[in-house]
Amino acid sequence: MKQKILKLSVCALLCALSVVLMLLGCVIQALDLSVAIAAGLTVAVAMIEYGTGYSVMLYFATSVLAFVLLPAKTPALFYILMGGIYPIIKALLERMKSRKTVFALKLIGFNIFYTCLIAAGKFLLNINDPIFSFNIFVYALGNVTFILYDIAFTRLVTLYVKRIRRKLK
């Protein structure tokens, strides 16, 4: 029982940290995507420490709170459709043996989420920004950025597991 309470408490703190990070993205709008991705690191920590169930719970709680509480919805939208869900999907996909299949599925998943992000930003939130356009250049740039993000994310998770995790215990 104490172990479950500890896990829930840590997830609640990670949720609060994520929402505060995204609030920073509301204050400095140029950081809205960056803070959503940084908030996604908390989901990765929950996945590593407590498993899929707690990370999914953290993702949904943070998504709801960010969308309800944040004055600007763009960081929440980025978190819901990319930054928060990706660590869960990445962990599940990387259990597969074929690296080529994993890479292809990641790119397909990214393009699906990216299309949803563009549609939601353009049609639901009426955002008039060049990044919210169905343009081949935007998709190409998005895919290159996603590959770099995936590499950086893997390195950050490795850093956490090899160096930071044992210092926290």
N, C-alpha and C. Protein backbone atom coordinates (compact mmCIF):
# COMPACT_ATOMS: atom_id res chain seq x y z
N MET A 1 0.82 -1.20 0.00
CA MET A 1 0.00 0.00 0.00
C MET A 1 0.87 1.26 0.00
N LYS A 2 1.91 1.27 0.85
CA LYS A 2 2.79 2.44 0.89
C LYS A 2 3.50 2.64 -0.44
N GLN A 3 3.83 1.54 -1.10
CA GLN A 3 4.50 1.63 -2.40
C GLN A 3 3.61 2.29 -3.44
N LYS A 4 2.31 1.96 -3.45
CA LYS A 4 1.38 2.58 -4.40
C LYS A 4 1.22 4.07 -4.11
N ILE A 5 1.14 4.42 -2.83
CA ILE A 5 1.01 5.83 -2.46
C ILE A 5 2.25 6.60 -2.89
N LEU A 6 3.42 6.00 -2.71
CA LEU A 6 4.66 6.65 -3.14
C LEU A 6 4.67 6.85 -4.65
N LYS A 7 4.28 5.84 -5.40
CA LYS A 7 4.24 5.95 -6.86
C LYS A 7 3.26 7.03 -7.31
N LEU A 8 2.08 7.05 -6.70
CA LEU A 8 1.09 8.08 -7.05
C LEU A 8 1.59 9.48 -6.69
N SER A 9 2.25 9.60 -5.55
CA SER A 9 2.77 10.90 -5.13
C SER A 9 3.84 11.41 -6.09
N VAL A 10 4.74 10.52 -6.49
CA VAL A 10 5.79 10.92 -7.44
C VAL A 10 5.16 11.30 -8.78
N CYS A 11 4.18 10.54 -9.23
CA CYS A 11 3.50 10.86 -10.49
C CYS A 11 2.77 12.20 -10.39
N ALA A 12 2.18 12.48 -9.25
CA ALA A 12 1.51 13.77 -9.06
C ALA A 12 2.52 14.92 -9.13
N LEU A 13 3.69 14.72 -8.54
CA LEU A 13 4.73 15.75 -8.62
C LEU A 13 5.23 15.91 -10.07
N LEU A 14 5.39 14.81 -10.77
CA LEU A 14 5.80 14.88 -12.17
C LEU A 14 4.74 15.58 -13.02
N CYS A 15 3.49 15.35 -12.70
CA CYS A 15 2.38 16.02 -13.41
C CYS A 15 2.44 17.53 -13.16
N ALA A 16 2.63 17.91 -11.92
CA ALA A 16 2.72 19.33 -11.58
C ALA A 16 3.91 19.98 -12.28
N LEU A 17 5.03 19.28 -12.29
CA LEU A 17 6.22 19.80 -12.98
C LEU A 17 5.95 19.99 -14.47
N SER A 18 5.27 19.04 -15.07
CA SER A 18 4.94 19.12 -16.49
C SER A 18 4.06 20.33 -16.80
N VAL A 19 3.04 20.54 -15.99
CA VAL A 19 2.13 21.66 -16.22
C VAL A 19 2.86 22.99 -16.02
N VAL A 20 3.73 23.07 -15.02
CA VAL A 20 4.50 24.29 -14.80
C VAL A 20 5.43 24.55 -15.98
N LEU A 21 6.07 23.51 -16.49
CA LEU A 21 6.92 23.66 -17.68
C LEU A 21 6.11 24.21 -18.85
N MET A 22 4.93 23.65 -19.06
CA MET A 22 4.11 24.12 -20.18
C MET A 22 3.60 25.54 -19.95
N LEU A 23 3.43 25.92 -18.70
CA LEU A 23 3.05 27.30 -18.39
C LEU A 23 4.15 28.26 -18.86
N LEU A 24 5.39 27.82 -18.74
CA LEU A 24 6.51 28.61 -19.25
C LEU A 24 6.38 28.81 -20.76
N GLY A 25 5.88 27.79 -21.44
CA GLY A 25 5.64 27.90 -22.87
C GLY A 25 4.54 28.88 -23.22
N CYS A 26 3.62 29.09 -22.28
CA CYS A 26 2.57 30.09 -22.49
C CYS A 26 3.13 31.50 -22.33
N VAL A 27 4.07 31.64 -21.42
CA VAL A 27 4.67 32.96 -21.17
C VAL A 27 5.61 33.34 -22.30
N ILE A 28 6.46 32.40 -22.72
CA ILE A 28 7.39 32.63 -23.82
C ILE A 28 6.94 31.72 -24.96
N GLN A 29 6.16 32.26 -25.87
CA GLN A 29 5.50 31.44 -26.89
C GLN A 29 6.47 30.72 -27.82
N ALA A 30 7.68 31.21 -27.95
CA ALA A 30 8.65 30.53 -28.81
C ALA A 30 9.07 29.18 -28.24
N LEU A 31 8.78 28.96 -26.97
CA LEU A 31 9.18 27.72 -26.30
C LEU A 31 8.05 26.69 -26.21
N ASP A 32 6.91 26.94 -26.84
CA ASP A 32 5.76 26.06 -26.62
C ASP A 32 6.03 24.61 -27.02
N LEU A 33 6.69 24.37 -28.12
CA LEU A 33 7.02 22.99 -28.51
C LEU A 33 8.11 22.41 -27.61
N SER A 34 9.11 23.22 -27.31
CA SER A 34 10.23 22.75 -26.47
C SER A 34 9.77 22.33 -25.08
N VAL A 35 8.90 23.11 -24.47
CA VAL A 35 8.45 22.77 -23.12
C VAL A 35 7.53 21.56 -23.13
N ALA A 36 6.78 21.37 -24.21
CA ALA A 36 5.93 20.18 -24.31
C ALA A 36 6.78 18.92 -24.40
N ILE A 37 7.88 19.01 -25.13
CA ILE A 37 8.79 17.88 -25.24
C ILE A 37 9.52 17.66 -23.91
N ALA A 38 9.93 18.73 -23.26
CA ALA A 38 10.58 18.60 -21.95
C ALA A 38 9.61 17.99 -20.93
N ALA A 39 8.35 18.38 -21.00
CA ALA A 39 7.35 17.80 -20.10
C ALA A 39 7.18 16.31 -20.38
N GLY A 40 7.39 15.89 -21.62
CA GLY A 40 7.32 14.48 -21.97
C GLY A 40 8.40 13.65 -21.30
N LEU A 41 9.49 14.29 -20.92
CA LEU A 41 10.54 13.55 -20.20
C LEU A 41 10.03 13.02 -18.86
N THR A 42 9.07 13.71 -18.26
CA THR A 42 8.51 13.21 -17.00
C THR A 42 7.76 11.90 -17.22
N VAL A 43 7.13 11.77 -18.38
CA VAL A 43 6.45 10.53 -18.72
C VAL A 43 7.47 9.40 -18.89
N ALA A 44 8.61 9.72 -19.48
CA ALA A 44 9.67 8.73 -19.64
C ALA A 44 10.19 8.27 -18.28
N VAL A 45 10.34 9.20 -17.35
CA VAL A 45 10.79 8.85 -16.00
C VAL A 45 9.76 7.92 -15.34
N ALA A 46 8.49 8.24 -15.47
CA ALA A 46 7.44 7.38 -14.89
C ALA A 46 7.45 6.00 -15.55
N MET A 47 7.69 5.96 -16.85
CA MET A 47 7.75 4.68 -17.56
C MET A 47 8.92 3.83 -17.05
N ILE A 48 10.06 4.44 -16.88
CA ILE A 48 11.24 3.72 -16.41
C ILE A 48 11.05 3.24 -14.97
N GLU A 49 10.56 4.11 -14.13
CA GLU A 49 10.47 3.80 -12.70
C GLU A 49 9.27 2.93 -12.34
N TYR A 50 8.12 3.17 -12.99
CA TYR A 50 6.89 2.53 -12.52
C TYR A 50 6.14 1.73 -13.58
N GLY A 51 6.54 1.80 -14.83
CA GLY A 51 5.89 1.01 -15.86
C GLY A 51 4.85 1.78 -16.68
N THR A 52 4.26 1.04 -17.59
CA THR A 52 3.34 1.63 -18.56
C THR A 52 2.09 2.22 -17.92
N GLY A 53 1.51 1.52 -16.96
CA GLY A 53 0.27 1.99 -16.34
C GLY A 53 0.39 3.37 -15.72
N TYR A 54 1.43 3.57 -14.93
CA TYR A 54 1.61 4.86 -14.29
C TYR A 54 1.98 5.95 -15.29
N SER A 55 2.74 5.60 -16.32
CA SER A 55 3.09 6.62 -17.30
C SER A 55 1.87 7.05 -18.12
N VAL A 56 0.98 6.11 -18.44
CA VAL A 56 -0.25 6.45 -19.15
C VAL A 56 -1.14 7.33 -18.27
N MET A 57 -1.23 6.98 -16.99
CA MET A 57 -2.01 7.78 -16.06
C MET A 57 -1.44 9.20 -15.96
N LEU A 58 -0.12 9.30 -15.87
CA LEU A 58 0.53 10.61 -15.82
C LEU A 58 0.26 11.40 -17.08
N TYR A 59 0.35 10.75 -18.23
CA TYR A 59 0.09 11.41 -19.50
C TYR A 59 -1.33 11.98 -19.55
N PHE A 60 -2.33 11.17 -19.19
CA PHE A 60 -3.71 11.64 -19.25
C PHE A 60 -3.98 12.75 -18.23
N ALA A 61 -3.48 12.60 -17.02
CA ALA A 61 -3.70 13.64 -16.00
C ALA A 61 -3.06 14.96 -16.43
N THR A 62 -1.85 14.89 -16.92
CA THR A 62 -1.17 16.11 -17.37
C THR A 62 -1.87 16.73 -18.56
N SER A 63 -2.33 15.90 -19.48
CA SER A 63 -3.03 16.40 -20.66
C SER A 63 -4.28 17.18 -20.27
N VAL A 64 -5.08 16.60 -19.39
CA VAL A 64 -6.32 17.26 -18.96
C VAL A 64 -6.01 18.55 -18.22
N LEU A 65 -5.10 18.48 -17.26
CA LEU A 65 -4.77 19.68 -16.48
C LEU A 65 -4.19 20.78 -17.35
N ALA A 66 -3.29 20.41 -18.27
CA ALA A 66 -2.68 21.42 -19.14
C ALA A 66 -3.73 22.08 -20.02
N PHE A 67 -4.63 21.28 -20.59
CA PHE A 67 -5.64 21.85 -21.48
C PHE A 67 -6.64 22.71 -20.72
N VAL A 68 -6.94 22.35 -19.49
CA VAL A 68 -7.90 23.12 -18.70
C VAL A 68 -7.26 24.37 -18.08
N LEU A 69 -6.05 24.24 -17.57
CA LEU A 69 -5.45 25.32 -16.78
C LEU A 69 -4.62 26.33 -17.56
N LEU A 70 -4.00 25.90 -18.65
CA LEU A 70 -3.10 26.82 -19.34
C LEU A 70 -3.86 27.87 -20.14
N PRO A 71 -3.40 29.12 -20.07
CA PRO A 71 -4.09 30.18 -20.81
C PRO A 71 -3.93 30.04 -22.33
N ALA A 72 -2.78 29.58 -22.78
CA ALA A 72 -2.57 29.32 -24.21
C ALA A 72 -2.61 27.80 -24.40
N LYS A 73 -3.33 27.35 -25.38
CA LYS A 73 -3.54 25.91 -25.57
C LYS A 73 -2.48 25.23 -26.42
N THR A 74 -1.62 26.00 -27.08
CA THR A 74 -0.63 25.41 -27.96
C THR A 74 0.32 24.45 -27.24
N PRO A 75 0.92 24.82 -26.09
CA PRO A 75 1.79 23.85 -25.40
C PRO A 75 1.04 22.57 -25.01
N ALA A 76 -0.20 22.73 -24.58
CA ALA A 76 -1.00 21.55 -24.22
C ALA A 76 -1.26 20.68 -25.44
N LEU A 77 -1.55 21.31 -26.56
CA LEU A 77 -1.80 20.57 -27.79
C LEU A 77 -0.53 19.82 -28.23
N PHE A 78 0.61 20.48 -28.17
CA PHE A 78 1.88 19.82 -28.50
C PHE A 78 2.14 18.65 -27.56
N TYR A 79 1.84 18.84 -26.29
CA TYR A 79 2.05 17.76 -25.31
C TYR A 79 1.12 16.58 -25.59
N ILE A 80 -0.15 16.87 -25.82
CA ILE A 80 -1.15 15.81 -26.01
C ILE A 80 -0.83 15.00 -27.27
N LEU A 81 -0.49 15.68 -28.35
CA LEU A 81 -0.32 14.99 -29.63
C LEU A 81 1.11 14.57 -29.94
N MET A 82 2.08 14.96 -29.10
CA MET A 82 3.44 14.56 -29.41
C MET A 82 4.29 14.34 -28.15
N GLY A 83 4.57 15.39 -27.42
CA GLY A 83 5.54 15.32 -26.32
C GLY A 83 5.21 14.34 -25.22
N GLY A 84 3.95 14.21 -24.87
CA GLY A 84 3.58 13.34 -23.77
C GLY A 84 3.34 11.90 -24.16
N ILE A 85 2.79 11.68 -25.33
CA ILE A 85 2.45 10.32 -25.75
C ILE A 85 3.66 9.60 -26.34
N TYR A 86 4.60 10.35 -26.91
CA TYR A 86 5.72 9.71 -27.59
C TYR A 86 6.58 8.82 -26.69
N PRO A 87 6.91 9.23 -25.47
CA PRO A 87 7.73 8.33 -24.64
C PRO A 87 7.08 6.96 -24.41
N ILE A 88 5.77 6.93 -24.31
CA ILE A 88 5.06 5.66 -24.12
C ILE A 88 5.14 4.83 -25.39
N ILE A 89 4.84 5.46 -26.52
CA ILE A 89 4.88 4.75 -27.80
C ILE A 89 6.30 4.27 -28.10
N LYS A 90 7.28 5.12 -27.85
CA LYS A 90 8.68 4.77 -28.10
C LYS A 90 9.08 3.54 -27.28
N ALA A 91 8.74 3.53 -26.01
CA ALA A 91 9.10 2.40 -25.15
C ALA A 91 8.44 1.11 -25.62
N LEU A 92 7.20 1.20 -26.04
CA LEU A 92 6.50 0.00 -26.51
C LEU A 92 7.04 -0.48 -27.86
N LEU A 93 7.33 0.44 -28.77
CA LEU A 93 7.85 0.06 -30.09
C LEU A 93 9.25 -0.53 -30.00
N GLU A 94 10.07 0.01 -29.11
CA GLU A 94 11.45 -0.44 -29.05
C GLU A 94 11.62 -1.82 -28.41
N ARG A 95 10.52 -2.42 -28.01
CA ARG A 95 10.57 -3.81 -27.55
C ARG A 95 10.61 -4.78 -28.73
N MET A 96 10.30 -4.26 -29.91
CA MET A 96 10.33 -5.09 -31.13
C MET A 96 11.79 -5.34 -31.53
N LYS A 97 12.02 -6.44 -32.22
CA LYS A 97 13.39 -6.82 -32.58
C LYS A 97 13.91 -6.10 -33.82
N SER A 98 13.08 -5.87 -34.81
CA SER A 98 13.52 -5.27 -36.07
C SER A 98 13.65 -3.75 -35.93
N ARG A 99 14.87 -3.26 -36.00
CA ARG A 99 15.11 -1.83 -35.86
C ARG A 99 14.52 -1.05 -37.04
N LYS A 100 14.53 -1.65 -38.23
CA LYS A 100 13.97 -0.99 -39.41
C LYS A 100 12.46 -0.82 -39.27
N THR A 101 11.80 -1.86 -38.75
CA THR A 101 10.36 -1.78 -38.54
C THR A 101 10.04 -0.73 -37.48
N VAL A 102 10.81 -0.71 -36.41
CA VAL A 102 10.60 0.28 -35.35
C VAL A 102 10.76 1.69 -35.90
N PHE A 103 11.81 1.91 -36.68
CA PHE A 103 12.06 3.23 -37.27
C PHE A 103 10.91 3.64 -38.18
N ALA A 104 10.47 2.71 -39.03
CA ALA A 104 9.36 3.00 -39.95
C ALA A 104 8.08 3.31 -39.19
N LEU A 105 7.78 2.53 -38.16
CA LEU A 105 6.57 2.77 -37.36
C LEU A 105 6.63 4.09 -36.62
N LYS A 106 7.82 4.46 -36.14
CA LYS A 106 7.98 5.77 -35.48
C LYS A 106 7.68 6.90 -36.46
N LEU A 107 8.22 6.81 -37.68
CA LEU A 107 7.98 7.86 -38.67
C LEU A 107 6.52 7.92 -39.09
N ILE A 108 5.90 6.76 -39.27
CA ILE A 108 4.47 6.73 -39.62
C ILE A 108 3.65 7.34 -38.49
N GLY A 109 3.95 6.94 -37.25
CA GLY A 109 3.25 7.50 -36.09
C GLY A 109 3.44 9.00 -35.98
N PHE A 110 4.68 9.46 -36.19
CA PHE A 110 4.93 10.90 -36.13
C PHE A 110 4.09 11.64 -37.15
N ASN A 111 4.06 11.15 -38.39
CA ASN A 111 3.31 11.84 -39.44
C ASN A 111 1.81 11.84 -39.17
N ILE A 112 1.30 10.78 -38.56
CA ILE A 112 -0.12 10.77 -38.17
C ILE A 112 -0.38 11.81 -37.09
N PHE A 113 0.47 11.81 -36.04
CA PHE A 113 0.30 12.79 -34.96
C PHE A 113 0.52 14.21 -35.47
N TYR A 114 1.48 14.38 -36.37
CA TYR A 114 1.76 15.71 -36.91
C TYR A 114 0.59 16.24 -37.73
N THR A 115 -0.03 15.37 -38.50
CA THR A 115 -1.21 15.75 -39.27
C THR A 115 -2.35 16.14 -38.33
N CYS A 116 -2.54 15.37 -37.27
CA CYS A 116 -3.57 15.71 -36.26
C CYS A 116 -3.26 17.04 -35.59
N LEU A 117 -1.97 17.27 -35.30
CA LEU A 117 -1.55 18.52 -34.67
C LEU A 117 -1.84 19.71 -35.58
N ILE A 118 -1.51 19.58 -36.84
CA ILE A 118 -1.77 20.67 -37.79
C ILE A 118 -3.27 20.92 -37.92
N ALA A 119 -4.03 19.85 -38.05
CA ALA A 119 -5.49 19.99 -38.20
C ALA A 119 -6.09 20.63 -36.95
N ALA A 120 -5.69 20.17 -35.78
CA ALA A 120 -6.24 20.73 -34.54
C ALA A 120 -5.84 22.20 -34.39
N GLY A 121 -4.58 22.52 -34.66
CA GLY A 121 -4.14 23.90 -34.55
C GLY A 121 -4.83 24.82 -35.54
N LYS A 122 -4.99 24.34 -36.74
CA LYS A 122 -5.58 25.16 -37.80
C LYS A 122 -7.10 25.29 -37.68
N PHE A 123 -7.77 24.17 -37.44
CA PHE A 123 -9.23 24.18 -37.51
C PHE A 123 -9.92 24.32 -36.14
N LEU A 124 -9.31 23.84 -35.08
CA LEU A 124 -9.93 23.96 -33.75
C LEU A 124 -9.50 25.22 -33.02
N LEU A 125 -8.20 25.52 -33.08
CA LEU A 125 -7.68 26.66 -32.33
C LEU A 125 -7.45 27.89 -33.21
N ASN A 126 -7.69 27.77 -34.51
CA ASN A 126 -7.54 28.89 -35.46
C ASN A 126 -6.16 29.55 -35.38
N ILE A 127 -5.12 28.74 -35.33
CA ILE A 127 -3.76 29.26 -35.27
C ILE A 127 -3.28 29.52 -36.69
N ASN A 128 -2.91 30.75 -36.96
CA ASN A 128 -2.38 31.12 -38.28
C ASN A 128 -0.87 31.25 -38.19
N ASP A 129 -0.21 30.12 -38.30
CA ASP A 129 1.23 30.05 -38.21
C ASP A 129 1.71 29.15 -39.35
N PRO A 130 2.83 29.50 -40.00
CA PRO A 130 3.30 28.66 -41.12
C PRO A 130 3.55 27.20 -40.74
N ILE A 131 3.86 26.94 -39.49
CA ILE A 131 4.11 25.56 -39.08
C ILE A 131 2.82 24.73 -39.07
N PHE A 132 1.69 25.40 -39.01
CA PHE A 132 0.39 24.71 -39.05
C PHE A 132 -0.17 24.75 -40.47
N SER A 133 0.58 24.16 -41.39
CA SER A 133 0.11 24.09 -42.78
C SER A 133 0.44 22.72 -43.36
N PHE A 134 -0.43 22.28 -44.25
CA PHE A 134 -0.23 20.99 -44.91
C PHE A 134 0.67 21.22 -46.13
N ASN A 135 1.96 21.33 -45.87
CA ASN A 135 2.93 21.68 -46.88
C ASN A 135 4.05 20.65 -46.85
N ILE A 136 4.54 20.22 -48.01
CA ILE A 136 5.57 19.19 -48.07
C ILE A 136 6.85 19.64 -47.36
N PHE A 137 7.19 20.92 -47.45
CA PHE A 137 8.37 21.43 -46.78
C PHE A 137 8.23 21.33 -45.26
N VAL A 138 7.04 21.65 -44.76
CA VAL A 138 6.78 21.57 -43.33
C VAL A 138 6.89 20.13 -42.85
N TYR A 139 6.36 19.20 -43.63
CA TYR A 139 6.46 17.78 -43.26
C TYR A 139 7.90 17.28 -43.32
N ALA A 140 8.65 17.68 -44.35
CA ALA A 140 10.05 17.26 -44.46
C ALA A 140 10.86 17.78 -43.28
N LEU A 141 10.68 19.06 -42.97
CA LEU A 141 11.38 19.65 -41.82
C LEU A 141 10.94 18.97 -40.52
N GLY A 142 9.67 18.69 -40.40
CA GLY A 142 9.16 18.00 -39.22
C GLY A 142 9.75 16.62 -39.06
N ASN A 143 9.90 15.87 -40.16
CA ASN A 143 10.47 14.53 -40.08
C ASN A 143 11.94 14.55 -39.70
N VAL A 144 12.70 15.48 -40.26
CA VAL A 144 14.11 15.61 -39.89
C VAL A 144 14.24 15.98 -38.42
N THR A 145 13.43 16.93 -38.00
CA THR A 145 13.44 17.34 -36.59
C THR A 145 13.04 16.19 -35.68
N PHE A 146 12.07 15.41 -36.10
CA PHE A 146 11.64 14.26 -35.31
C PHE A 146 12.76 13.23 -35.15
N ILE A 147 13.49 12.97 -36.21
CA ILE A 147 14.60 12.00 -36.12
C ILE A 147 15.66 12.50 -35.14
N LEU A 148 15.98 13.78 -35.21
CA LEU A 148 16.95 14.35 -34.27
C LEU A 148 16.41 14.30 -32.84
N TYR A 149 15.12 14.58 -32.68
CA TYR A 149 14.47 14.50 -31.37
C TYR A 149 14.53 13.08 -30.83
N ASP A 150 14.27 12.09 -31.66
CA ASP A 150 14.31 10.70 -31.22
C ASP A 150 15.70 10.31 -30.73
N ILE A 151 16.72 10.73 -31.45
CA ILE A 151 18.10 10.44 -31.06
C ILE A 151 18.43 11.13 -29.73
N ALA A 152 18.08 12.41 -29.63
CA ALA A 152 18.35 13.16 -28.40
C ALA A 152 17.57 12.58 -27.22
N PHE A 153 16.33 12.19 -27.46
CA PHE A 153 15.50 11.61 -26.40
C PHE A 153 16.11 10.31 -25.88
N THR A 154 16.59 9.47 -26.81
CA THR A 154 17.23 8.21 -26.43
C THR A 154 18.46 8.49 -25.57
N ARG A 155 19.22 9.47 -25.95
CA ARG A 155 20.43 9.81 -25.17
C ARG A 155 20.09 10.36 -23.79
N LEU A 156 19.04 11.17 -23.71
CA LEU A 156 18.63 11.70 -22.40
C LEU A 156 18.13 10.58 -21.49
N VAL A 157 17.37 9.66 -22.03
CA VAL A 157 16.88 8.53 -21.24
C VAL A 157 18.05 7.67 -20.78
N THR A 158 19.01 7.44 -21.66
CA THR A 158 20.20 6.68 -21.29
C THR A 158 20.98 7.38 -20.19
N LEU A 159 21.13 8.68 -20.30
CA LEU A 159 21.79 9.47 -19.26
C LEU A 159 21.06 9.32 -17.93
N TYR A 160 19.74 9.40 -17.97
CA TYR A 160 18.95 9.24 -16.75
C TYR A 160 19.18 7.87 -16.12
N VAL A 161 19.11 6.82 -16.94
CA VAL A 161 19.23 5.46 -16.41
C VAL A 161 20.63 5.19 -15.88
N LYS A 162 21.65 5.63 -16.60
CA LYS A 162 23.03 5.29 -16.22
C LYS A 162 23.62 6.18 -15.13
N ARG A 163 23.21 7.44 -15.08
CA ARG A 163 23.87 8.35 -14.13
C ARG A 163 22.95 8.97 -13.09
N ILE A 164 21.81 9.45 -13.52
CA ILE A 164 20.95 10.23 -12.62
C ILE A 164 20.13 9.33 -11.70
N ARG A 165 19.62 8.23 -12.23
CA ARG A 165 18.70 7.37 -11.49
C ARG A 165 19.29 6.87 -10.17
N ARG A 166 20.52 6.40 -10.20
CA ARG A 166 21.11 5.87 -8.97
C ARG A 166 21.40 6.95 -7.94
N LYS A 167 21.59 8.18 -8.39
CA LYS A 167 21.84 9.29 -7.46
C LYS A 167 20.55 9.71 -6.74
N LEU A 168 19.41 9.42 -7.35
CA LEU A 168 18.13 9.78 -6.74
C LEU A 168 17.66 8.76 -5.71
N LYS A 169 18.24 7.58 -5.73
CA LYS A 169 17.79 6.52 -4.80
C LYS A 169 18.57 6.51 -3.53
